[in-house]
Amino acid sequence: MEKKYLLGISLIAIVTLVVVENPLSDQYLIQLKQDSISVNGVSDFTDRVRQEAEERIISPQDAKIDKVWKATPGYNGLKVDVNASIKNMKKEKSFREDLLVYEQISPSIHLSDLPPSPVYRGNPDKPMASFIINVAWGNEYIPDMLSTLKKHHVYATFFLEGRWVKNNPDLAKMIVDAGHEVGNHSYTHPDLKTLETVKIKDELKKTNEMIEVTTGKKVKWFAPPSGSYRDEVIEIADEMDMRTVMWSVDTIDWQKPQPNVLVNRVMGKLHKGAIILMHPTASTANSLNSLILQIKAQNLRIGTVTSLVNEERIAADIDHSPQQESVKKKQ
């Protein structure tokens, strides 16, 4: 019995020694430790992603009628896409802020939900501005302005007088072919504030038809000549599926200011969501290059009225989603 006991003890000792000295056993223990660390690491960064998601959410802004600025577009909110962000970080096995993926949150009330009211500016939190160029004369300056806009990859909204389109179809097509947006600026440039109802409707209808037959573009924006209107004008435009556009910054280029005066005038009043009024004049043509450079230096994008008032949030500095990266590459 004693011999069997001693033999058993000896076998256990030998097996233990073999296991301890076996390099495969060492690797197994190391792997167990690494797996444990890996699991804990994943848990750590997923918890961090969820925490950041709670802290980084930005609520959307509904479109509204402002007492001063009238129809004000909404603006998308922003939140972290938790699952996409965790997936982004799995290879790193650690939290990295630049790998957070964001998604935009749409407002509940949109510009299209608002009653007829003019737009004087975009959303005041959107880092963007828009050039609106009213055209009834100044043909000689349009090619130079188009060339400058093209050089900087900037698109504007040209409000065209219907009579001008009829007399200058090639220039109207040139504007559209360059990728710019076109809007209605009445047919004969009357004072719509005092014009009788039937004539207002005729002015707007004829202009829409002339622009569409000449350029193939259906108009959705209307700019009253000289900014003169009464509430009925806004309602008539709305019935024709057009929203009225005014401005928040005026170049006053018809006074023929020197280029530096025009640029300083605009930059002194520039703000997020600015709608900048101009015309095809020598002052504007000679100022446009400098004006674009200085506006962009303020970290503001420049685009059409449609792009200004849409709800898309500009978040290129923090948004690393595939969609946003694709947009950045195209710019």
Protein backbone atom coordinates (compact mmCIF):
# COMPACT_ATOMS: atom_id res chain seq x y z
CA MET A 1 0.00 0.00 0.00
CA GLU A 2 2.79 2.36 0.93
CA LYS A 3 4.57 1.58 -2.34
CA LYS A 4 1.42 2.44 -4.35
CA TYR A 5 1.08 5.73 -2.47
CA LEU A 6 4.69 6.69 -3.15
CA LEU A 7 4.32 5.71 -6.80
CA GLY A 8 1.25 7.93 -7.13
CA ILE A 9 3.02 10.89 -5.56
CA SER A 10 5.96 10.39 -7.89
CA LEU A 11 3.75 10.31 -11.01
CA ILE A 12 2.00 13.55 -9.98
CA ALA A 13 5.36 15.24 -9.43
CA ILE A 14 6.66 14.10 -12.83
CA VAL A 15 3.49 15.28 -14.67
CA THR A 16 3.61 18.64 -12.87
CA LEU A 17 7.28 19.11 -13.79
CA VAL A 18 6.61 18.25 -17.45
CA VAL A 19 3.68 20.70 -17.66
CA VAL A 20 5.61 23.51 -15.98
CA GLU A 21 8.64 23.04 -18.19
CA ASN A 22 6.59 22.58 -21.39
CA PRO A 23 6.93 25.67 -23.68
CA LEU A 24 3.47 24.97 -25.12
CA SER A 25 2.04 25.44 -21.66
CA ASP A 26 3.79 28.80 -21.41
CA GLN A 27 2.26 29.90 -24.71
CA TYR A 28 -1.18 28.82 -23.56
CA LEU A 29 -0.92 30.85 -20.36
CA ILE A 30 0.34 33.89 -22.27
CA GLN A 31 -2.56 33.61 -24.73
CA LEU A 32 -5.02 33.45 -21.86
CA LYS A 33 -3.57 36.66 -20.43
CA GLN A 34 -3.65 38.41 -23.84
CA ASP A 35 -7.24 37.34 -24.41
CA SER A 36 -8.15 38.74 -21.02
CA ILE A 37 -6.41 42.04 -21.78
CA SER A 38 -8.03 42.19 -25.23
CA VAL A 39 -11.51 41.66 -23.82
CA ASN A 40 -10.92 44.30 -21.18
CA GLY A 41 -9.50 46.68 -23.79
CA VAL A 42 -12.56 46.30 -26.04
CA SER A 43 -14.79 46.88 -23.07
CA ASP A 44 -12.81 50.00 -22.17
CA PHE A 45 -13.06 51.70 -25.55
CA THR A 46 -16.68 50.71 -26.21
CA ASP A 47 -17.66 52.20 -22.87
CA ARG A 48 -15.72 55.34 -23.82
CA VAL A 49 -17.51 55.56 -27.18
CA ARG A 50 -20.89 55.35 -25.46
CA GLN A 51 -19.86 57.99 -22.94
CA GLU A 52 -18.66 60.32 -25.71
CA ALA A 53 -21.90 59.74 -27.61
CA GLU A 54 -23.90 61.01 -24.64
CA GLU A 55 -21.70 64.10 -24.26
CA ARG A 56 -21.36 65.05 -27.95
CA ILE A 57 -25.00 65.07 -29.07
CA ILE A 58 -26.15 68.36 -30.66
CA SER A 59 -29.90 68.90 -30.98
CA PRO A 60 -31.34 69.90 -34.37
CA GLN A 61 -32.87 73.35 -34.84
CA ASP A 62 -36.36 73.64 -36.26
CA ALA A 63 -37.15 76.12 -39.03
CA LYS A 64 -39.05 79.11 -37.66
CA ILE A 65 -40.47 82.53 -38.42
CA ASP A 66 -38.18 85.07 -36.72
CA LYS A 67 -39.59 88.48 -35.80
CA VAL A 68 -36.73 90.24 -37.57
CA TRP A 69 -35.28 87.72 -40.04
CA LYS A 70 -38.60 86.16 -41.10
CA ALA A 71 -38.32 82.60 -42.48
CA THR A 72 -35.25 81.02 -40.89
CA PRO A 73 -34.13 77.56 -42.11
CA GLY A 74 -33.65 74.68 -39.72
CA TYR A 75 -30.30 73.01 -39.12
CA ASN A 76 -29.48 69.34 -38.57
CA GLY A 77 -28.28 68.15 -35.21
CA LEU A 78 -25.40 65.71 -34.75
CA LYS A 79 -24.85 62.51 -32.82
CA VAL A 80 -22.23 59.79 -32.62
CA ASP A 81 -23.08 56.57 -34.43
CA VAL A 82 -22.03 54.22 -31.61
CA ASN A 83 -21.97 50.95 -33.57
CA ALA A 84 -20.11 52.42 -36.55
CA SER A 85 -17.60 54.11 -34.23
CA ILE A 86 -16.89 50.87 -32.31
CA LYS A 87 -16.45 49.04 -35.59
CA ASN A 88 -14.01 51.75 -36.70
CA MET A 89 -11.88 51.26 -33.58
CA LYS A 90 -11.82 47.44 -33.41
CA LYS A 91 -8.54 47.18 -35.31
CA GLU A 92 -6.89 49.69 -32.96
CA LYS A 93 -8.42 48.06 -29.86
CA SER A 94 -8.42 51.51 -28.27
CA PHE A 95 -10.43 54.74 -28.28
CA ARG A 96 -9.49 57.35 -30.87
CA GLU A 97 -11.45 60.57 -31.25
CA ASP A 98 -10.70 60.85 -34.97
CA LEU A 99 -12.37 57.46 -35.55
CA LEU A 100 -15.74 58.56 -34.15
CA VAL A 101 -18.45 58.39 -36.81
CA TYR A 102 -21.25 60.95 -36.75
CA GLU A 103 -24.74 60.99 -38.18
CA GLN A 104 -27.02 63.98 -38.65
CA ILE A 105 -30.39 64.44 -36.94
CA SER A 106 -33.13 66.09 -38.97
CA PRO A 107 -35.33 68.83 -37.42
CA SER A 108 -39.05 68.29 -36.89
CA ILE A 109 -40.06 71.52 -38.66
CA HIS A 110 -38.65 72.34 -42.09
CA LEU A 111 -38.57 75.52 -44.17
CA SER A 112 -41.25 74.02 -46.41
CA ASP A 113 -43.54 73.69 -43.38
CA LEU A 114 -43.53 77.44 -42.71
CA PRO A 115 -46.18 79.85 -44.01
CA PRO A 116 -45.21 82.25 -46.85
CA SER A 117 -42.41 84.48 -45.57
CA PRO A 118 -39.22 85.86 -47.16
CA VAL A 119 -35.77 84.43 -46.40
CA TYR A 120 -33.21 87.08 -45.44
CA ARG A 121 -30.45 84.72 -44.32
CA GLY A 122 -29.57 81.07 -43.79
CA ASN A 123 -29.44 79.45 -40.37
CA PRO A 124 -27.23 81.68 -38.16
CA ASP A 125 -25.19 78.65 -37.01
CA LYS A 126 -24.38 77.37 -40.49
CA PRO A 127 -20.84 78.43 -41.52
CA MET A 128 -21.83 79.39 -45.04
CA ALA A 129 -22.71 82.41 -47.18
CA SER A 130 -24.46 82.85 -50.51
CA PHE A 131 -24.07 85.32 -53.38
CA ILE A 132 -27.32 86.41 -55.01
CA ILE A 133 -26.73 88.25 -58.28
CA ASN A 134 -29.67 90.21 -59.69
CA VAL A 135 -29.43 90.53 -63.46
CA ALA A 136 -31.34 93.02 -65.63
CA TRP A 137 -28.30 94.75 -67.16
CA GLY A 138 -24.48 94.65 -66.96
CA ASN A 139 -23.95 92.03 -69.66
CA GLU A 140 -20.35 93.05 -70.22
CA TYR A 141 -19.34 92.03 -66.68
CA ILE A 142 -21.02 88.61 -66.54
CA PRO A 143 -18.30 86.58 -68.34
CA ASP A 144 -15.57 87.90 -66.01
CA MET A 145 -17.70 87.17 -62.95
CA LEU A 146 -18.41 83.64 -64.17
CA SER A 147 -14.71 83.11 -64.77
CA THR A 148 -13.82 84.20 -61.22
CA LEU A 149 -16.53 82.03 -59.68
CA LYS A 150 -15.30 79.05 -61.70
CA LYS A 151 -11.70 79.66 -60.62
CA HIS A 152 -12.72 79.33 -56.96
CA HIS A 153 -15.30 76.54 -57.48
CA VAL A 154 -18.02 78.84 -56.15
CA TYR A 155 -21.66 78.61 -57.22
CA ALA A 156 -24.11 81.50 -56.90
CA THR A 157 -27.81 82.13 -57.46
CA PHE A 158 -28.54 84.49 -60.36
CA PHE A 159 -31.95 86.15 -60.28
CA LEU A 160 -32.86 86.90 -63.88
CA GLU A 161 -35.30 89.46 -65.22
CA GLY A 162 -37.58 87.73 -67.73
CA ARG A 163 -37.21 90.45 -70.36
CA TRP A 164 -33.42 90.22 -70.04
CA VAL A 165 -33.53 86.44 -70.59
CA LYS A 166 -35.61 86.95 -73.73
CA ASN A 167 -33.05 89.43 -75.11
CA ASN A 168 -29.96 87.55 -73.90
CA PRO A 169 -30.65 83.81 -74.13
CA ASP A 170 -27.00 82.93 -74.72
CA LEU A 171 -25.88 84.64 -71.51
CA ALA A 172 -28.71 83.00 -69.56
CA LYS A 173 -27.61 79.60 -70.88
CA MET A 174 -23.98 80.44 -70.08
CA ILE A 175 -24.92 81.04 -66.43
CA VAL A 176 -26.80 77.75 -66.18
CA ASP A 177 -24.13 75.79 -68.08
CA ALA A 178 -21.57 77.02 -65.54
CA GLY A 179 -23.55 75.22 -62.85
CA HIS A 180 -25.19 78.21 -61.20
CA GLU A 181 -28.72 78.41 -59.87
CA VAL A 182 -31.25 80.77 -61.47
CA GLY A 183 -34.26 82.51 -59.95
CA ASN A 184 -37.11 84.85 -60.86
CA HIS A 185 -36.51 88.62 -60.75
CA SER A 186 -39.84 89.67 -62.38
CA TYR A 187 -40.30 90.33 -66.08
CA THR A 188 -39.96 94.13 -66.41
CA HIS A 189 -38.50 95.13 -63.01
CA PRO A 190 -41.58 97.02 -61.69
CA ASP A 191 -42.28 98.09 -58.11
CA LEU A 192 -44.27 95.06 -56.99
CA LYS A 193 -45.29 96.71 -53.75
CA THR A 194 -47.72 98.98 -55.61
CA LEU A 195 -48.48 96.85 -58.68
CA GLU A 196 -52.00 95.43 -59.01
CA THR A 197 -52.48 91.73 -58.28
CA VAL A 198 -53.17 90.52 -61.81
CA LYS A 199 -50.00 92.21 -63.10
CA ILE A 200 -47.88 90.73 -60.30
CA LYS A 201 -49.02 87.25 -61.27
CA ASP A 202 -48.29 87.97 -64.94
CA GLU A 203 -44.79 89.29 -64.14
CA LEU A 204 -43.83 86.18 -62.21
CA LYS A 205 -45.52 83.69 -64.54
CA LYS A 206 -43.97 85.09 -67.71
CA THR A 207 -40.51 85.12 -66.15
CA ASN A 208 -40.74 81.51 -64.99
CA GLU A 209 -41.85 80.44 -68.44
CA MET A 210 -39.09 82.41 -70.17
CA ILE A 211 -36.37 81.00 -67.92
CA GLU A 212 -37.63 77.43 -68.29
CA VAL A 213 -37.99 77.54 -72.08
CA THR A 214 -34.55 79.17 -72.44
CA THR A 215 -32.49 77.23 -69.91
CA GLY A 216 -34.58 74.16 -69.14
CA LYS A 217 -34.53 75.06 -65.43
CA LYS A 218 -37.63 75.21 -63.25
CA VAL A 219 -37.48 78.18 -60.90
CA LYS A 220 -38.06 77.86 -57.12
CA TRP A 221 -36.69 81.18 -55.82
CA PHE A 222 -38.00 84.71 -56.34
CA ALA A 223 -36.27 88.03 -55.64
CA PRO A 224 -38.49 91.15 -55.87
CA PRO A 225 -36.93 94.06 -57.79
CA SER A 226 -35.26 96.55 -55.43
CA GLY A 227 -36.47 94.40 -52.54
CA SER A 228 -39.88 96.06 -52.75
CA TYR A 229 -42.91 93.91 -51.89
CA ARG A 230 -46.10 93.63 -49.88
CA ASP A 231 -47.38 90.49 -48.18
CA GLU A 232 -49.55 89.61 -51.17
CA VAL A 233 -46.45 89.41 -53.39
CA ILE A 234 -44.92 86.79 -51.10
CA GLU A 235 -48.16 84.82 -51.11
CA ILE A 236 -48.44 84.91 -54.93
CA ALA A 237 -44.85 83.67 -55.25
CA ASP A 238 -45.64 80.88 -52.77
CA GLU A 239 -48.68 79.85 -54.82
CA MET A 240 -46.28 79.44 -57.76
CA ASP A 241 -44.04 77.19 -55.62
CA MET A 242 -41.41 79.89 -55.11
CA ARG A 243 -40.06 81.19 -51.83
CA THR A 244 -39.02 84.84 -51.73
CA VAL A 245 -35.36 85.69 -51.12
CA MET A 246 -34.04 88.96 -49.73
CA TRP A 247 -30.55 89.66 -48.32
CA SER A 248 -28.67 90.40 -45.11
CA VAL A 249 -25.53 92.00 -46.64
CA ASP A 250 -25.66 94.55 -49.49
CA THR A 251 -22.64 95.37 -51.67
CA ILE A 252 -24.41 98.55 -52.85
CA ASP A 253 -22.38 97.95 -56.02
CA TRP A 254 -24.72 100.11 -58.13
CA GLN A 255 -23.04 103.13 -56.50
CA LYS A 256 -19.81 102.06 -58.28
CA PRO A 257 -17.57 101.86 -55.18
CA GLN A 258 -13.87 101.12 -55.43
CA PRO A 259 -13.12 97.39 -55.00
CA ASN A 260 -11.56 97.84 -51.54
CA VAL A 261 -14.62 99.81 -50.38
CA LEU A 262 -16.97 97.07 -51.59
CA VAL A 263 -14.92 94.29 -49.98
CA ASN A 264 -14.64 96.14 -46.65
CA ARG A 265 -18.37 96.85 -46.71
CA VAL A 266 -19.19 93.17 -47.08
CA MET A 267 -16.58 91.88 -44.64
CA GLY A 268 -17.69 94.38 -42.02
CA LYS A 269 -21.20 92.88 -42.03
CA LEU A 270 -20.38 89.26 -42.87
CA HIS A 271 -21.94 86.58 -40.67
CA LYS A 272 -22.85 82.91 -40.74
CA GLY A 273 -25.79 82.35 -43.05
CA ALA A 274 -25.22 85.63 -44.92
CA ILE A 275 -27.04 86.31 -48.19
CA ILE A 276 -24.93 88.83 -50.08
CA LEU A 277 -26.64 90.97 -52.73
CA MET A 278 -24.73 92.00 -55.84
CA HIS A 279 -25.20 92.87 -59.51
CA PRO A 280 -23.05 92.54 -62.64
CA THR A 281 -21.07 95.75 -62.27
CA ALA A 282 -17.44 96.77 -62.73
CA SER A 283 -17.10 97.16 -58.95
CA THR A 284 -18.30 93.63 -58.28
CA ALA A 285 -16.36 92.06 -61.14
CA ASN A 286 -13.16 93.67 -59.86
CA SER A 287 -13.86 92.82 -56.22
CA LEU A 288 -15.07 89.25 -56.56
CA ASN A 289 -11.72 87.46 -56.39
CA SER A 290 -10.62 89.24 -53.21
CA LEU A 291 -14.09 88.93 -51.69
CA ILE A 292 -14.18 85.15 -52.17
CA LEU A 293 -10.72 84.72 -50.68
CA GLN A 294 -11.54 86.79 -47.62
CA ILE A 295 -14.88 85.06 -47.00
CA LYS A 296 -13.23 81.64 -47.23
CA ALA A 297 -10.50 82.85 -44.87
CA GLN A 298 -13.29 83.28 -42.30
CA ASN A 299 -13.97 79.53 -42.62
CA LEU A 300 -17.24 80.11 -44.42
CA ARG A 301 -18.30 78.11 -47.44
CA ILE A 302 -19.96 79.90 -50.36
CA GLY A 303 -22.85 78.32 -52.25
CA THR A 304 -26.25 78.74 -53.83
CA VAL A 305 -29.35 79.79 -51.92
CA THR A 306 -30.57 76.20 -52.08
CA SER A 307 -27.39 74.87 -50.47
CA LEU A 308 -27.42 77.68 -47.89
CA VAL A 309 -30.96 76.98 -46.65
CA ASN A 310 -30.82 73.19 -46.70
CA GLU A 311 -30.54 71.58 -43.29
CA GLU A 312 -27.28 69.70 -43.87
CA ARG A 313 -24.87 70.35 -41.03
CA ILE A 314 -21.36 71.41 -41.98
CA ALA A 315 -19.19 69.39 -39.61
CA ALA A 316 -16.13 68.53 -41.68
CA ASP A 317 -13.79 69.27 -38.78
CA ILE A 318 -15.20 66.50 -36.58
CA ASP A 319 -17.18 64.25 -38.90
CA HIS A 320 -15.16 61.28 -40.10
CA SER A 321 -18.02 59.26 -41.51
CA PRO A 322 -17.46 57.77 -44.98
CA GLN A 323 -20.11 60.08 -46.41
CA GLN A 324 -18.43 63.20 -45.04
CA GLU A 325 -14.97 62.09 -46.15
CA SER A 326 -16.38 61.61 -49.67
CA VAL A 327 -17.78 65.15 -49.63
CA LYS A 328 -14.45 66.58 -48.46
CA LYS A 329 -12.57 64.86 -51.30
CA LYS A 330 -14.89 66.39 -53.91
CA GLN A 331 -14.35 69.95 -52.64
